[in-house]
Amino acid sequence: MDAISSDILPPGIRSRFVDDINGLRVHVLEAGFETTGRPCVLLLHGFPELAYSWRKVMPMLAAAGYHVIAPDQRGYGRTTGWDADYDGDIRPFRLLNLVRDALGLVSAFGYRHVDAVIGHDFGSSVAAWCALVRPDVFRSVALMSAPFAGPPPLPFDTADKPAAPTAEDPIHRDLAALPRPREHYQWYYSKRCANADMQHAPQGVHNFLRGYYHQKSADWPGNTPYPLQGWTATELAKMPTYYVMDLGRTMAETVATEMPSAQQIGACKWLPERELAFYAGEYARTGFQGGLQWYRCGTSGAFNAEQQTWSGRSIDVPSCFISGRQDWGIHQRPGVLDAMQTKACSDIRGMHLIDRAGHWVQQEQPAEVSRLLLAFLKTTQTSPG
């Protein structure tokens, strides 16, 4: 696999590979590489995105004096060395191994620490665990679009009164039993069919991604999020169908119902067709299963026990949260936004909701995201200026 051609990237960003990172050959976008001795920030993308999703933020961070590193994470893009076999081993895609990937990449670039790890969407979860597990390396953390609730708790005070068995979550049965039967997208993404549904979408990968990105952006008028009252079927069903899907419909069918018009596509400055074509080409080639493996690790619950090693710990390095005001993602897990502020992070220095931005906040409003990130870095006293 070759590096990305420079004519696809903004000036000042280069594409390169770093070998032998926890079994991977990692594809990286890099900015601020022209001079040595710069402090480093690490940018971690989510689903279905790539390092490319940081293309508008990277030059601004580099101009402020940072060395900016954004990898295609395990399972994505031009990074190789991972196995997307549905029947294969999903353990390499668990959160703590993704932290190991990040740690190895930082070390390969010759850094003992980075000034910030910045994660968006599922990358926010990786960034949070980076800061929780290795605060000596990841000196601050910016979480974007996906709040962090903290590590799972250990059973407590059970020596003389054994812990009650874990009850099965009835949410999936209850969603399916609604008058309009529904299904949670994360469990759909964990199904064998999900990758083929998207990679071989009837409308093609390009139009599938156009619909998906559109419907989760501020361009779609249906995104008027508000806090939900609890993890119940009736509350979750208030969310758009890209989160709580109509049972029996694929994600490709779901977003096809809200395709933007040709006029809307032409007016979409944050994701013009040329830039969307890059995403579509990458996902048409790799499929989506690499990213879907992350969801399978989460929905299986198979790795809760190792995460309980950090039970009761909070993120104690400086942190901030940034999201689009029109992003339902901040409310999809009721109570998590509050838990992040009251328990999971002990030194939050900013909670920012950016207007006219949906889920793809760093692409929809890159200037404001960059301004907020640089302001946050100044509060940590790690600004190169």
Protein backbone atom coordinates (compact mmCIF):
# COMPACT_ATOMS: atom_id res chain seq x y z
CA MET A 1 0.00 0.00 0.00
CA ASP A 2 1.35 3.41 -1.00
CA ALA A 3 1.31 6.67 0.89
CA ILE A 4 -1.48 9.14 0.07
CA SER A 5 -0.66 11.43 -2.82
CA SER A 6 0.21 14.94 -1.68
CA ASP A 7 -2.38 16.48 -4.01
CA ILE A 8 -5.14 14.93 -1.89
CA LEU A 9 -3.82 16.42 1.34
CA PRO A 10 -3.75 20.04 2.53
CA PRO A 11 -0.35 21.75 2.35
CA GLY A 12 1.88 20.92 5.28
CA ILE A 13 0.54 17.39 5.82
CA ARG A 14 2.45 14.32 4.70
CA SER A 15 1.51 10.65 4.54
CA ARG A 16 4.00 8.02 5.74
CA PHE A 17 4.30 4.59 7.32
CA VAL A 18 5.80 3.46 10.62
CA ASP A 19 6.68 -0.22 10.92
CA ASP A 20 6.61 -2.64 13.85
CA ILE A 21 3.99 -0.93 16.02
CA ASN A 22 2.44 -3.71 18.11
CA GLY A 23 2.34 -5.97 15.04
CA LEU A 24 1.15 -3.24 12.69
CA ARG A 25 2.53 -1.20 9.84
CA VAL A 26 0.82 2.06 10.73
CA HIS A 27 -0.17 4.65 8.18
CA VAL A 28 0.21 8.14 9.64
CA LEU A 29 -0.64 11.67 8.59
CA GLU A 30 1.87 14.10 10.03
CA ALA A 31 2.10 17.89 10.30
CA GLY A 32 4.67 20.13 11.95
CA PHE A 33 7.45 17.71 11.04
CA GLU A 34 9.71 20.34 9.47
CA THR A 35 11.55 21.19 12.69
CA THR A 36 12.63 19.05 15.64
CA GLY A 37 12.00 19.61 19.32
CA ARG A 38 8.31 20.38 19.00
CA PRO A 39 5.84 19.08 21.60
CA CYS A 40 3.60 16.35 20.20
CA VAL A 41 -0.15 15.84 20.04
CA LEU A 42 -1.76 12.57 18.95
CA LEU A 43 -5.10 12.56 17.10
CA LEU A 44 -7.29 9.42 17.13
CA HIS A 45 -10.20 9.09 14.69
CA GLY A 46 -13.48 7.22 15.06
CA PHE A 47 -15.91 5.25 12.86
CA PRO A 48 -16.30 5.33 9.91
CA GLU A 49 -13.44 7.75 9.55
CA LEU A 50 -9.68 7.77 9.03
CA ALA A 51 -6.65 9.85 9.92
CA TYR A 52 -7.89 11.95 6.98
CA SER A 53 -10.73 13.24 9.15
CA TRP A 54 -8.19 15.44 10.98
CA ARG A 55 -6.94 17.09 7.77
CA LYS A 56 -8.50 20.48 8.56
CA VAL A 57 -7.31 20.66 12.17
CA MET A 58 -3.75 19.44 11.72
CA PRO A 59 -2.35 22.51 9.91
CA MET A 60 -3.72 24.84 12.59
CA LEU A 61 -2.17 22.82 15.41
CA ALA A 62 1.11 22.61 13.53
CA ALA A 63 1.09 26.38 12.93
CA ALA A 64 0.84 26.82 16.71
CA GLY A 65 4.09 24.89 17.13
CA TYR A 66 3.03 21.28 17.61
CA HIS A 67 4.17 18.08 15.94
CA VAL A 68 0.83 16.53 14.99
CA ILE A 69 0.46 12.78 14.44
CA ALA A 70 -2.77 11.16 13.23
CA PRO A 71 -2.75 7.41 12.48
CA ASP A 72 -5.19 5.22 10.64
CA GLN A 73 -6.03 3.12 13.68
CA ARG A 74 -6.06 -0.67 13.82
CA GLY A 75 -8.68 -1.94 11.39
CA TYR A 76 -8.70 1.15 9.21
CA GLY A 77 -7.36 2.62 6.01
CA ARG A 78 -3.77 2.00 4.98
CA THR A 79 -2.61 0.57 8.29
CA THR A 80 -1.94 -3.15 7.84
CA GLY A 81 -1.21 -6.13 10.06
CA TRP A 82 -4.74 -6.63 11.37
CA ASP A 83 -7.22 -9.38 10.55
CA ALA A 84 -10.84 -8.52 9.84
CA ASP A 85 -12.06 -12.11 9.67
CA TYR A 86 -15.43 -12.19 11.43
CA ASP A 87 -14.59 -15.66 12.75
CA GLY A 88 -11.08 -14.62 13.76
CA ASP A 89 -9.66 -13.36 17.03
CA ILE A 90 -11.18 -10.02 18.08
CA ARG A 91 -8.87 -9.57 21.07
CA PRO A 92 -6.41 -7.34 19.16
CA PHE A 93 -9.24 -4.81 18.74
CA ARG A 94 -10.02 -4.43 22.45
CA LEU A 95 -9.51 -1.00 23.97
CA LEU A 96 -6.40 -1.80 25.98
CA ASN A 97 -4.61 -3.13 22.91
CA LEU A 98 -5.58 0.03 21.03
CA VAL A 99 -3.92 1.96 23.86
CA ARG A 100 -0.84 -0.20 23.29
CA ASP A 101 -0.94 0.78 19.61
CA ALA A 102 -0.99 4.47 20.55
CA LEU A 103 1.78 4.05 23.09
CA GLY A 104 3.97 2.23 20.56
CA LEU A 105 3.45 4.92 17.95
CA VAL A 106 4.38 7.72 20.36
CA SER A 107 7.51 5.83 21.36
CA ALA A 108 8.47 5.15 17.75
CA PHE A 109 8.49 8.88 17.08
CA GLY A 110 10.92 9.36 19.96
CA TYR A 111 8.58 10.87 22.53
CA ARG A 112 8.47 9.96 26.22
CA HIS A 113 5.18 11.80 26.46
CA VAL A 114 2.71 13.77 24.35
CA ASP A 115 1.15 17.04 25.44
CA ALA A 116 -2.32 15.77 24.52
CA VAL A 117 -4.13 12.80 23.12
CA ILE A 118 -7.23 13.93 21.26
CA GLY A 119 -9.90 11.42 20.28
CA HIS A 120 -13.14 11.67 18.34
CA ASP A 121 -16.06 9.21 18.39
CA PHE A 122 -14.64 5.73 19.16
CA GLY A 123 -11.22 7.38 19.17
CA SER A 124 -12.47 9.31 22.21
CA SER A 125 -12.74 6.01 24.08
CA VAL A 126 -9.17 5.09 23.13
CA ALA A 127 -7.94 8.54 24.17
CA ALA A 128 -9.73 8.26 27.51
CA TRP A 129 -8.13 4.90 28.25
CA CYS A 130 -4.74 6.26 27.18
CA ALA A 131 -5.06 9.01 29.79
CA LEU A 132 -6.42 6.65 32.43
CA VAL A 133 -3.80 3.92 31.99
CA ARG A 134 -0.68 5.98 31.17
CA PRO A 135 -1.09 9.53 32.51
CA ASP A 136 2.71 9.83 32.54
CA VAL A 137 2.74 9.56 28.75
CA PHE A 138 -0.57 11.18 27.81
CA ARG A 139 -0.29 14.43 29.78
CA SER A 140 -3.75 15.76 28.86
CA VAL A 141 -6.77 14.51 26.96
CA ALA A 142 -9.46 16.05 24.76
CA LEU A 143 -12.52 13.89 24.25
CA MET A 144 -14.77 14.69 21.30
CA SER A 145 -18.36 13.63 20.65
CA ALA A 146 -18.25 10.54 22.91
CA PRO A 147 -18.18 11.18 26.68
CA PHE A 148 -16.38 8.75 29.00
CA ALA A 149 -18.13 7.12 31.96
CA GLY A 150 -15.04 5.62 33.57
CA PRO A 151 -13.91 2.01 33.94
CA PRO A 152 -16.43 -0.69 34.91
CA PRO A 153 -16.83 -1.28 38.65
CA LEU A 154 -15.67 -4.36 40.50
CA PRO A 155 -18.13 -6.37 42.59
CA PHE A 156 -17.88 -4.87 46.08
CA ASP A 157 -18.40 -6.22 49.60
CA THR A 158 -19.20 -9.74 48.46
CA ALA A 159 -17.05 -11.85 50.82
CA ASP A 160 -19.99 -12.68 53.08
CA LYS A 161 -22.84 -11.93 50.71
CA PRO A 162 -22.02 -13.16 47.20
CA ALA A 163 -22.66 -10.77 44.35
CA ALA A 164 -25.99 -11.13 42.65
CA PRO A 165 -25.64 -12.66 39.19
CA THR A 166 -25.50 -10.14 36.40
CA ALA A 167 -28.97 -9.79 34.98
CA GLU A 168 -29.44 -9.90 31.23
CA ASP A 169 -30.03 -6.44 29.82
CA PRO A 170 -33.63 -6.49 28.55
CA ILE A 171 -33.09 -3.48 26.29
CA HIS A 172 -32.79 -5.47 23.06
CA ARG A 173 -35.91 -7.51 23.73
CA ASP A 174 -37.76 -4.35 24.74
CA LEU A 175 -36.66 -2.45 21.64
CA ALA A 176 -37.81 -5.30 19.41
CA ALA A 177 -41.17 -5.38 21.21
CA LEU A 178 -41.99 -1.72 20.60
CA PRO A 179 -44.99 -0.95 18.35
CA ARG A 180 -42.36 0.24 15.87
CA PRO A 181 -39.72 -2.49 16.46
CA ARG A 182 -36.21 -1.13 16.83
CA GLU A 183 -32.58 -2.30 17.16
CA HIS A 184 -29.55 -0.54 18.67
CA TYR A 185 -26.93 0.24 16.04
CA GLN A 186 -23.98 -1.06 18.08
CA TRP A 187 -25.51 -4.52 18.23
CA TYR A 188 -26.38 -4.33 14.52
CA TYR A 189 -22.74 -3.42 13.87
CA SER A 190 -21.74 -6.55 15.78
CA LYS A 191 -23.63 -8.83 13.39
CA ARG A 192 -21.98 -10.81 10.63
CA CYS A 193 -24.07 -9.07 7.97
CA ALA A 194 -23.15 -5.49 8.84
CA ASN A 195 -19.94 -5.22 6.82
CA ALA A 196 -21.44 -6.59 3.61
CA ASP A 197 -24.54 -4.43 4.08
CA MET A 198 -22.34 -1.34 3.92
CA GLN A 199 -19.44 -2.36 1.68
CA HIS A 200 -21.91 -3.70 -0.90
CA ALA A 201 -24.67 -1.17 -0.25
CA PRO A 202 -27.19 -1.00 -3.14
CA GLN A 203 -26.46 2.71 -3.56
CA GLY A 204 -22.69 2.13 -3.59
CA VAL A 205 -20.15 3.00 -0.90
CA HIS A 206 -19.85 6.63 -2.01
CA ASN A 207 -23.58 7.34 -1.72
CA PHE A 208 -23.87 5.26 1.44
CA LEU A 209 -21.21 7.37 3.13
CA ARG A 210 -22.75 10.56 1.77
CA GLY A 211 -26.03 9.63 3.40
CA TYR A 212 -24.39 8.49 6.64
CA TYR A 213 -22.23 11.58 7.04
CA HIS A 214 -25.14 13.86 6.08
CA GLN A 215 -27.64 12.35 8.47
CA LYS A 216 -25.28 12.63 11.46
CA SER A 217 -24.23 16.21 10.65
CA ALA A 218 -25.77 19.57 11.47
CA ASP A 219 -26.96 19.71 7.84
CA TRP A 220 -29.75 17.24 8.67
CA PRO A 221 -32.64 19.10 10.34
CA GLY A 222 -33.62 16.04 12.38
CA ASN A 223 -30.64 16.49 14.70
CA THR A 224 -32.08 18.39 17.66
CA PRO A 225 -30.68 16.32 20.55
CA TYR A 226 -31.65 16.48 24.20
CA PRO A 227 -30.88 14.35 27.28
CA LEU A 228 -32.77 11.06 27.59
CA GLN A 229 -34.26 10.03 30.90
CA GLY A 230 -32.84 6.51 31.04
CA TRP A 231 -31.62 3.35 29.33
CA THR A 232 -35.09 2.19 28.35
CA ALA A 233 -36.55 1.21 25.01
CA THR A 234 -39.07 4.05 24.94
CA GLU A 235 -36.37 6.64 25.67
CA LEU A 236 -33.80 5.23 23.24
CA ALA A 237 -36.43 5.08 20.50
CA LYS A 238 -36.56 8.89 20.60
CA MET A 239 -33.16 8.97 18.89
CA PRO A 240 -32.78 9.05 15.10
CA THR A 241 -32.75 5.74 13.29
CA TYR A 242 -29.01 5.88 12.61
CA TYR A 243 -28.63 5.15 16.36
CA VAL A 244 -31.76 3.14 17.11
CA MET A 245 -32.57 1.48 13.83
CA ASP A 246 -35.84 0.10 12.53
CA LEU A 247 -35.59 -3.62 13.16
CA GLY A 248 -34.85 -5.53 9.98
CA ARG A 249 -33.41 -2.57 8.07
CA THR A 250 -29.74 -2.32 7.20
CA MET A 251 -27.71 0.80 7.88
CA ALA A 252 -27.50 1.39 4.13
CA GLU A 253 -31.30 1.31 3.90
CA THR A 254 -31.59 3.52 6.97
CA VAL A 255 -29.51 6.41 5.65
CA ALA A 256 -30.87 6.08 2.11
CA THR A 257 -34.17 7.54 3.34
CA GLU A 258 -32.49 10.87 4.18
CA MET A 259 -30.16 11.40 1.24
CA PRO A 260 -29.29 15.05 0.63
CA SER A 261 -30.37 16.63 -2.63
CA ALA A 262 -27.91 17.44 -5.38
CA GLN A 263 -28.17 21.07 -4.32
CA GLN A 264 -27.36 20.20 -0.69
CA ILE A 265 -24.40 18.09 -1.78
CA GLY A 266 -23.08 20.93 -3.90
CA ALA A 267 -23.42 23.31 -0.95
CA CYS A 268 -21.65 20.99 1.52
CA LYS A 269 -18.41 22.86 2.15
CA TRP A 270 -17.20 20.64 5.00
CA LEU A 271 -17.26 17.47 2.86
CA PRO A 272 -17.18 18.17 -0.89
CA GLU A 273 -17.45 15.28 -3.29
CA ARG A 274 -13.70 15.15 -3.91
CA GLU A 275 -12.99 14.59 -0.21
CA LEU A 276 -15.84 12.12 0.19
CA ALA A 277 -14.40 10.17 -2.75
CA PHE A 278 -11.24 9.53 -0.72
CA TYR A 279 -13.23 7.96 2.12
CA ALA A 280 -15.31 5.95 -0.33
CA GLY A 281 -12.25 4.63 -2.12
CA GLU A 282 -10.62 3.51 1.12
CA TYR A 283 -13.72 1.77 2.48
CA ALA A 284 -14.56 0.18 -0.86
CA ARG A 285 -11.08 -1.36 -0.73
CA THR A 286 -10.86 -2.39 2.95
CA GLY A 287 -14.48 -2.86 3.91
CA PHE A 288 -15.78 -1.81 7.32
CA GLN A 289 -15.11 -4.96 9.35
CA GLY A 290 -11.87 -3.70 10.89
CA GLY A 291 -13.76 -0.89 12.58
CA LEU A 292 -16.76 -3.10 13.35
CA GLN A 293 -14.50 -5.40 15.36
CA TRP A 294 -14.20 -2.59 17.92
CA TYR A 295 -17.98 -2.66 18.40
CA ARG A 296 -17.93 -6.42 18.79
CA CYS A 297 -15.37 -6.10 21.59
CA GLY A 298 -17.69 -3.71 23.38
CA THR A 299 -21.01 -5.44 22.92
CA SER A 300 -19.58 -8.86 23.84
CA GLY A 301 -18.55 -7.70 27.32
CA ALA A 302 -15.62 -10.11 26.99
CA PHE A 303 -13.03 -7.58 28.13
CA ASN A 304 -14.82 -6.00 31.08
CA ALA A 305 -12.77 -8.04 33.54
CA GLU A 306 -9.41 -6.65 32.41
CA GLN A 307 -10.85 -3.13 32.33
CA GLN A 308 -11.94 -3.61 35.96
CA THR A 309 -8.23 -3.47 36.85
CA TRP A 310 -8.75 0.31 36.84
CA SER A 311 -12.07 0.21 38.70
CA GLY A 312 -12.49 3.32 40.83
CA ARG A 313 -9.77 5.25 39.00
CA SER A 314 -10.52 8.57 37.33
CA ILE A 315 -8.74 10.47 34.59
CA ASP A 316 -6.67 12.92 36.60
CA VAL A 317 -4.73 14.69 33.83
CA PRO A 318 -6.29 17.89 32.47
CA SER A 319 -9.23 17.09 30.22
CA CYS A 320 -11.81 18.78 28.07
CA PHE A 321 -14.85 17.75 26.07
CA ILE A 322 -15.83 19.10 22.66
CA SER A 323 -18.88 18.16 20.61
CA GLY A 324 -21.29 19.52 18.08
CA ARG A 325 -24.44 20.98 19.57
CA GLN A 326 -26.42 19.03 16.95
CA ASP A 327 -24.75 15.71 17.87
CA TRP A 328 -27.00 13.03 19.37
CA GLY A 329 -23.88 11.07 20.30
CA ILE A 330 -23.43 12.95 23.57
CA HIS A 331 -26.80 11.65 24.79
CA GLN A 332 -26.90 8.13 23.37
CA ARG A 333 -25.84 6.64 26.72
CA PRO A 334 -28.07 8.38 29.25
CA GLY A 335 -26.16 9.64 32.27
CA VAL A 336 -22.66 9.28 30.82
CA LEU A 337 -22.18 13.00 30.17
CA ASP A 338 -22.88 13.72 33.84
CA ALA A 339 -20.75 10.78 35.02
CA MET A 340 -17.80 12.10 33.04
CA GLN A 341 -18.02 15.46 34.78
CA THR A 342 -18.69 14.19 38.30
CA LYS A 343 -16.64 10.97 38.52
CA ALA A 344 -14.70 9.88 35.46
CA CYS A 345 -12.58 13.03 34.97
CA SER A 346 -11.25 14.96 37.98
CA ASP A 347 -9.77 17.96 36.15
CA ILE A 348 -12.15 19.03 33.40
CA ARG A 349 -11.16 22.40 32.01
CA GLY A 350 -13.84 22.89 29.42
CA MET A 351 -17.17 21.50 28.19
CA HIS A 352 -17.88 22.90 24.73
CA LEU A 353 -20.86 22.37 22.42
CA ILE A 354 -20.22 23.98 19.04
CA ASP A 355 -23.25 25.29 17.19
CA ARG A 356 -23.75 24.32 13.55
CA ALA A 357 -21.85 21.08 14.08
CA GLY A 358 -23.21 17.58 14.32
CA HIS A 359 -21.22 14.42 14.94
CA TRP A 360 -18.32 15.23 12.60
CA VAL A 361 -17.35 18.29 14.62
CA GLN A 362 -13.68 18.56 13.59
CA GLN A 363 -14.70 18.43 9.95
CA GLU A 364 -17.81 20.59 10.19
CA GLN A 365 -16.25 23.35 12.34
CA PRO A 366 -12.45 22.86 12.20
CA ALA A 367 -11.51 26.45 13.00
CA GLU A 368 -13.53 26.50 16.21
CA VAL A 369 -12.32 23.04 17.21
CA SER A 370 -8.73 24.11 16.66
CA ARG A 371 -9.26 27.32 18.66
CA LEU A 372 -10.74 25.36 21.58
CA LEU A 373 -7.96 22.76 21.49
CA LEU A 374 -5.24 25.39 21.52
CA ALA A 375 -6.97 27.27 24.34
CA PHE A 376 -7.18 24.03 26.31
CA LEU A 377 -3.50 23.28 25.73
CA LYS A 378 -2.62 26.71 27.07
CA THR A 379 -4.46 25.89 30.32
CA THR A 380 -2.26 22.83 30.74
CA GLN A 381 0.84 25.01 30.45
CA THR A 382 2.13 22.85 27.63
CA SER A 383 1.72 25.38 24.83
CA PRO A 384 4.87 25.69 22.73
CA GLY A 385 4.29 29.44 22.60
